[in-house]
Amino acid sequence: MSLLLPVEKRAELKGVLPVDIHGQKYLDVVFSLEDEPGLNRRARLGSTDVQGTSKPGDPVLIRFVMGVATGMKPAS
């Protein structure tokens, strides 16, 4: 499946770091997609694009648009 189309993919959350840039809140997230277990990816997401709370080791869904991570929520 291509990451160029809007898609949500299951991943394991590896880490989360809050970042404040000129008063704007972001989260730097590190995750490993379920179908690429040995490859850690990193994304900076706006705090409003992250639903719920997750901690390292939790399963999450990462939303991609045009190959760029744009959101995250806990996997059910």
N, C-alpha and C. Protein backbone atom coordinates (compact mmCIF):
# COMPACT_ATOMS: atom_id res chain seq x y z
N MET A 1 0.84 -1.18 0.00
CA MET A 1 0.00 0.00 0.00
C MET A 1 0.89 1.24 0.00
N SER A 2 0.56 2.18 -0.83
CA SER A 2 1.35 3.40 -0.97
C SER A 2 1.02 4.39 0.14
N LEU A 3 2.06 5.07 0.63
CA LEU A 3 1.84 6.14 1.61
C LEU A 3 1.48 7.46 0.93
N LEU A 4 1.39 7.47 -0.41
CA LEU A 4 1.05 8.70 -1.10
C LEU A 4 -0.44 9.02 -0.97
N LEU A 5 -1.27 7.99 -0.84
CA LEU A 5 -2.70 8.21 -0.64
C LEU A 5 -2.97 8.41 0.85
N PRO A 6 -4.03 9.13 1.21
CA PRO A 6 -4.36 9.26 2.64
C PRO A 6 -4.63 7.88 3.24
N VAL A 7 -3.93 7.55 4.31
CA VAL A 7 -4.03 6.22 4.91
C VAL A 7 -3.66 6.29 6.38
N GLU A 8 -4.21 5.37 7.17
CA GLU A 8 -3.78 5.19 8.56
C GLU A 8 -3.09 3.85 8.66
N LYS A 9 -1.93 3.83 9.33
CA LYS A 9 -1.16 2.60 9.47
C LYS A 9 -0.89 2.33 10.94
N ARG A 10 -0.96 1.05 11.33
CA ARG A 10 -0.65 0.65 12.71
C ARG A 10 0.85 0.77 12.93
N ALA A 11 1.19 1.21 14.14
CA ALA A 11 2.60 1.37 14.50
C ALA A 11 2.76 1.16 15.99
N GLU A 12 4.00 0.95 16.41
CA GLU A 12 4.33 0.91 17.83
C GLU A 12 5.03 2.22 18.17
N LEU A 13 4.51 2.90 19.16
CA LEU A 13 5.10 4.16 19.59
C LEU A 13 6.40 3.88 20.34
N LYS A 14 7.47 4.53 19.94
CA LYS A 14 8.78 4.34 20.57
C LYS A 14 9.11 5.47 21.54
N GLY A 15 8.64 6.68 21.26
CA GLY A 15 8.93 7.80 22.14
C GLY A 15 8.16 9.05 21.73
N VAL A 16 7.95 9.94 22.71
CA VAL A 16 7.26 11.21 22.49
C VAL A 16 8.01 12.29 23.23
N LEU A 17 8.27 13.41 22.55
CA LEU A 17 8.96 14.53 23.16
C LEU A 17 8.17 15.81 22.86
N PRO A 18 7.63 16.48 23.89
CA PRO A 18 6.93 17.75 23.65
C PRO A 18 7.93 18.83 23.22
N VAL A 19 7.50 19.65 22.26
CA VAL A 19 8.35 20.73 21.74
C VAL A 19 7.51 22.00 21.70
N ASP A 20 8.09 23.12 22.11
CA ASP A 20 7.43 24.41 22.04
C ASP A 20 8.27 25.31 21.14
N ILE A 21 7.69 25.74 20.03
CA ILE A 21 8.40 26.61 19.10
C ILE A 21 7.62 27.92 18.99
N HIS A 22 8.17 28.98 19.56
CA HIS A 22 7.54 30.30 19.55
C HIS A 22 6.09 30.24 20.05
N GLY A 23 5.86 29.46 21.10
CA GLY A 23 4.53 29.38 21.70
C GLY A 23 3.61 28.34 21.07
N GLN A 24 4.03 27.73 19.97
CA GLN A 24 3.22 26.69 19.33
C GLN A 24 3.65 25.33 19.88
N LYS A 25 2.69 24.50 20.27
CA LYS A 25 2.97 23.20 20.87
C LYS A 25 3.00 22.11 19.79
N TYR A 26 4.06 21.30 19.82
CA TYR A 26 4.23 20.16 18.92
C TYR A 26 4.66 18.95 19.73
N LEU A 27 4.57 17.78 19.10
CA LEU A 27 5.10 16.55 19.68
C LEU A 27 6.01 15.90 18.65
N ASP A 28 7.25 15.63 19.03
CA ASP A 28 8.14 14.83 18.20
C ASP A 28 7.89 13.38 18.58
N VAL A 29 7.43 12.58 17.64
CA VAL A 29 7.12 11.18 17.92
C VAL A 29 8.05 10.28 17.12
N VAL A 30 8.46 9.20 17.75
CA VAL A 30 9.25 8.16 17.10
C VAL A 30 8.40 6.91 17.13
N PHE A 31 8.28 6.26 15.97
CA PHE A 31 7.41 5.09 15.87
C PHE A 31 7.98 4.11 14.85
N SER A 32 7.52 2.88 14.96
CA SER A 32 7.90 1.82 14.03
C SER A 32 6.63 1.26 13.44
N LEU A 33 6.48 1.35 12.11
CA LEU A 33 5.30 0.82 11.46
C LEU A 33 5.25 -0.69 11.61
N GLU A 34 4.04 -1.22 11.72
CA GLU A 34 3.86 -2.66 11.92
C GLU A 34 4.48 -3.48 10.78
N ASP A 35 4.41 -2.95 9.54
CA ASP A 35 4.95 -3.71 8.41
C ASP A 35 6.43 -3.39 8.13
N GLU A 36 7.06 -2.55 8.97
CA GLU A 36 8.49 -2.26 8.88
C GLU A 36 9.08 -2.27 10.30
N PRO A 37 9.06 -3.43 10.98
CA PRO A 37 9.40 -3.47 12.41
C PRO A 37 10.81 -3.02 12.76
N GLY A 38 11.77 -3.12 11.87
CA GLY A 38 13.13 -2.74 12.22
C GLY A 38 13.48 -1.30 11.92
N LEU A 39 12.54 -0.54 11.38
CA LEU A 39 12.81 0.84 10.95
C LEU A 39 12.05 1.83 11.82
N ASN A 40 12.79 2.66 12.56
CA ASN A 40 12.16 3.72 13.36
C ASN A 40 12.00 4.95 12.49
N ARG A 41 10.82 5.55 12.56
CA ARG A 41 10.53 6.79 11.83
C ARG A 41 10.29 7.89 12.86
N ARG A 42 10.45 9.13 12.43
CA ARG A 42 10.25 10.28 13.31
C ARG A 42 9.34 11.28 12.59
N ALA A 43 8.45 11.90 13.37
CA ALA A 43 7.56 12.92 12.81
C ALA A 43 7.32 14.00 13.86
N ARG A 44 7.13 15.22 13.41
CA ARG A 44 6.73 16.32 14.29
C ARG A 44 5.27 16.62 13.98
N LEU A 45 4.43 16.43 14.98
CA LEU A 45 2.99 16.62 14.82
C LEU A 45 2.52 17.76 15.70
N GLY A 46 1.57 18.52 15.19
CA GLY A 46 0.96 19.55 16.02
C GLY A 46 0.20 18.89 17.17
N SER A 47 0.20 19.52 18.32
CA SER A 47 -0.44 18.92 19.49
C SER A 47 -1.93 18.65 19.24
N THR A 48 -2.57 19.43 18.38
CA THR A 48 -3.99 19.21 18.08
C THR A 48 -4.20 18.05 17.11
N ASP A 49 -3.14 17.54 16.50
CA ASP A 49 -3.23 16.41 15.57
C ASP A 49 -3.01 15.07 16.26
N VAL A 50 -2.81 15.09 17.57
CA VAL A 50 -2.60 13.87 18.35
C VAL A 50 -3.80 13.68 19.25
N GLN A 51 -4.51 12.57 19.05
CA GLN A 51 -5.70 12.26 19.85
C GLN A 51 -5.34 11.33 20.99
N GLY A 52 -5.91 11.57 22.14
CA GLY A 52 -5.69 10.71 23.29
C GLY A 52 -4.27 10.81 23.80
N THR A 53 -3.93 9.91 24.70
CA THR A 53 -2.58 9.86 25.25
C THR A 53 -2.01 8.47 25.01
N SER A 54 -0.74 8.43 24.70
CA SER A 54 -0.05 7.17 24.45
C SER A 54 1.33 7.26 25.07
N LYS A 55 1.86 6.10 25.44
CA LYS A 55 3.21 6.05 25.99
C LYS A 55 4.02 5.07 25.18
N PRO A 56 5.36 5.13 25.26
CA PRO A 56 6.19 4.21 24.49
C PRO A 56 5.76 2.76 24.70
N GLY A 57 5.70 2.03 23.59
CA GLY A 57 5.28 0.63 23.61
C GLY A 57 3.82 0.44 23.23
N ASP A 58 3.03 1.52 23.27
CA ASP A 58 1.61 1.43 22.93
C ASP A 58 1.42 1.31 21.42
N PRO A 59 0.39 0.56 21.00
CA PRO A 59 0.04 0.55 19.57
C PRO A 59 -0.72 1.82 19.23
N VAL A 60 -0.39 2.41 18.10
CA VAL A 60 -1.04 3.64 17.65
C VAL A 60 -1.36 3.54 16.17
N LEU A 61 -2.21 4.43 15.71
CA LEU A 61 -2.48 4.59 14.29
C LEU A 61 -1.88 5.92 13.86
N ILE A 62 -1.04 5.88 12.85
CA ILE A 62 -0.42 7.09 12.30
C ILE A 62 -1.12 7.40 10.98
N ARG A 63 -1.60 8.62 10.83
CA ARG A 63 -2.24 9.06 9.60
C ARG A 63 -1.18 9.68 8.68
N PHE A 64 -1.16 9.24 7.44
CA PHE A 64 -0.24 9.76 6.43
C PHE A 64 -1.02 10.39 5.29
N VAL A 65 -0.53 11.50 4.78
CA VAL A 65 -1.05 12.13 3.57
C VAL A 65 0.16 12.49 2.72
N MET A 66 0.19 12.01 1.50
CA MET A 66 1.32 12.24 0.58
C MET A 66 2.65 11.81 1.20
N GLY A 67 2.62 10.73 1.97
CA GLY A 67 3.84 10.19 2.57
C GLY A 67 4.32 10.90 3.81
N VAL A 68 3.56 11.88 4.29
CA VAL A 68 3.97 12.64 5.48
C VAL A 68 3.01 12.33 6.62
N ALA A 69 3.57 12.02 7.79
CA ALA A 69 2.74 11.76 8.97
C ALA A 69 2.04 13.06 9.38
N THR A 70 0.70 12.98 9.50
CA THR A 70 -0.07 14.18 9.83
C THR A 70 -0.89 14.05 11.10
N GLY A 71 -0.93 12.86 11.70
CA GLY A 71 -1.70 12.70 12.92
C GLY A 71 -1.45 11.35 13.57
N MET A 72 -1.89 11.23 14.82
CA MET A 72 -1.71 10.00 15.58
C MET A 72 -2.85 9.85 16.56
N LYS A 73 -3.30 8.59 16.73
CA LYS A 73 -4.30 8.28 17.74
C LYS A 73 -4.05 6.88 18.25
N PRO A 74 -4.54 6.57 19.46
CA PRO A 74 -4.36 5.22 20.00
C PRO A 74 -5.06 4.19 19.10
N ALA A 75 -4.43 3.05 18.90
CA ALA A 75 -5.06 1.96 18.14
C ALA A 75 -6.05 1.24 19.05
N SER A 76 -7.17 0.86 18.49
CA SER A 76 -8.17 0.15 19.31
C SER A 76 -8.10 -1.34 19.08
